[in-house]
Amino acid sequence: MNNGGVSKANAFLVYLLIAAIFLDGFAIRNLAGFDFYFYYFIFVIGIIASIFKYSSFSIGPRWFVSFLMLFFAVNIATGVVFNTLGFLMLKQIGGIIFTAAAYWAIFLFANGNLRFIGKAYINVSYFAAIYGLLGLLVSISGLGRFGVYGMQGNLLGLPKISGSTSEPYFLAVSLIPAVYIHLNDIFTPSKLLGKDFSWPKSVLTIICFILTGASSGYIAFFIILALLAYNKNLLNMRSLGLVLLPLFMYVVYFIYTVFSTNSKDFSSRVSDTWYVFSSDDEEGVKAGKINGSSFALYSNFKVASNSFIKNPLSGSGLGTHEVNYQQYFYKYFSSKIVKRFVAELNKEDANSTFIRLLSETGLFGLFFFLFFVFRNLSLRKHESHFDSSVRFLLLFNQGIFIMLIIRLMRTGNYIGNGFFFFFFFYWASSLFLGEVLGPRKSAGLGMLSGKNSQPSPNI
């Protein structure tokens, strides 16, 4: 295996830390107020190794550290003013520092070689997909049961695949960048993955992604198809590719029909979410009749809206949505609804990054996160004359953008499923592509695609 100048020991640590993205299914829940994930041991190994190697503790590039200090200061001040400063906020601050340090270590160990890091992620995601598919086969054969969720729910009426994650959605969202790259590679004559490309690897990863049965994964799939059409010039009015647009739209419609017809979860979640958000439901009556996932999204939005109205600038403070939930939920919904859904759904993470930021950080946090997402998107088409490393990073950047959009809609956890790995890769790839392709020029990038640079822990 070509490690691109990365030592075998460092390559091992890179792969080990990336594997943690897919390991949240192995945990001890509610341990002294925490969910203790076994991949924390991997984080500790990575952080200690980076400290020994670089003689300092680093959680990210300089701009990130500076912003994080400001972000924490604003939230602590908010907590003092609104009396929400406590264990919940400190837990989030500690979690952000811990996970950021672990995933930043990947970029240090890889000497800034983004192509190597990206390919390592592609390889690990393939093994995560294989584990999930193996679990499905074992489960339906009756030999055992692992890596699946529920009794049925995907397109084939089989159990949803969760693999080594705690639920199908988490596997789906973690696979999005890989699926996006694989689909583009399948339809690209000159393979972006080069010698690492293989039809089985691409097809099996995509099949696993679809068989997770995650509704948010299906939505991501349609965004993937839209960007695929963009990259293939099917949306360019001056391109001959436009001739194929009707056929492409028919294929999209056909896929949607297959998803909605064969996956009751997908169909009900789309229709129920539209139903409850588009109708007047001040009494919470209609909300009590919809599926749990749509209700979690809607109820947490109602809670977050109250927190935002109370303090639109900075919200209630990092980690305090759970407090807001207890304060506002029963203003709109009865205890009978809670009994119907067994529990207070997603009161800790608000079910959506957008909703949680609205609730906990107000305009301050929401603005900066959205600015980061759209500022670092590279929408340049991966044209054939570009170097393969450039085209690979363009697609990886776009794949992470899709994942971040889905997280805004569905995931409220700030640190789970490799968030800071994708966060740092998104920024670094955008910065590199801005320098190579223009017109945006950026200084101080220690990370180059496929070239050996020596990033210091103080980048």
Foldseek 3Di string as FASTA:
>chain_A
DDLLPFDPVLLVLLLLLLLQLQAAQAWDPPDVNDTGTPCLVSLVVLQVVLCVVQVDQFLDAQVVVVVLVVLLVLQVVLCVVLVNDDDLQVVQNVLSSSLSRSLVSSCQSSLQALQSSVVSNLVSLLVQLVQQVVQQVCVVVVVDHDQFDDAAFALVRGTAGSRNHNALVSNLLLCQLNLLLLVLQVVDPCGLNHPPDDPVSNVSSNVNNRRNNDLLSVVLVLVSLVLSCVLVCCVPPPDPNVVCVVVSVVVSVVVVCSSLVRGVVNVQLVVLLCVVVVDDQQQCPSLLVGDPLSSLLVLLLQLLVVQCVVPQAFANGPQCQLVSCVVCSCVRDPVVSCVVVVHNPPSRQSQAQQSNCSHHTHPVSNVVVVCLLVVLQDSDRLDPPDDSLLNSLNSSLVSLSSSNVSRRRGNRDCNHSNNSNSSNSSNLSSQQNCCVPDPHHDPDRQRHHSHRGNDRSHD
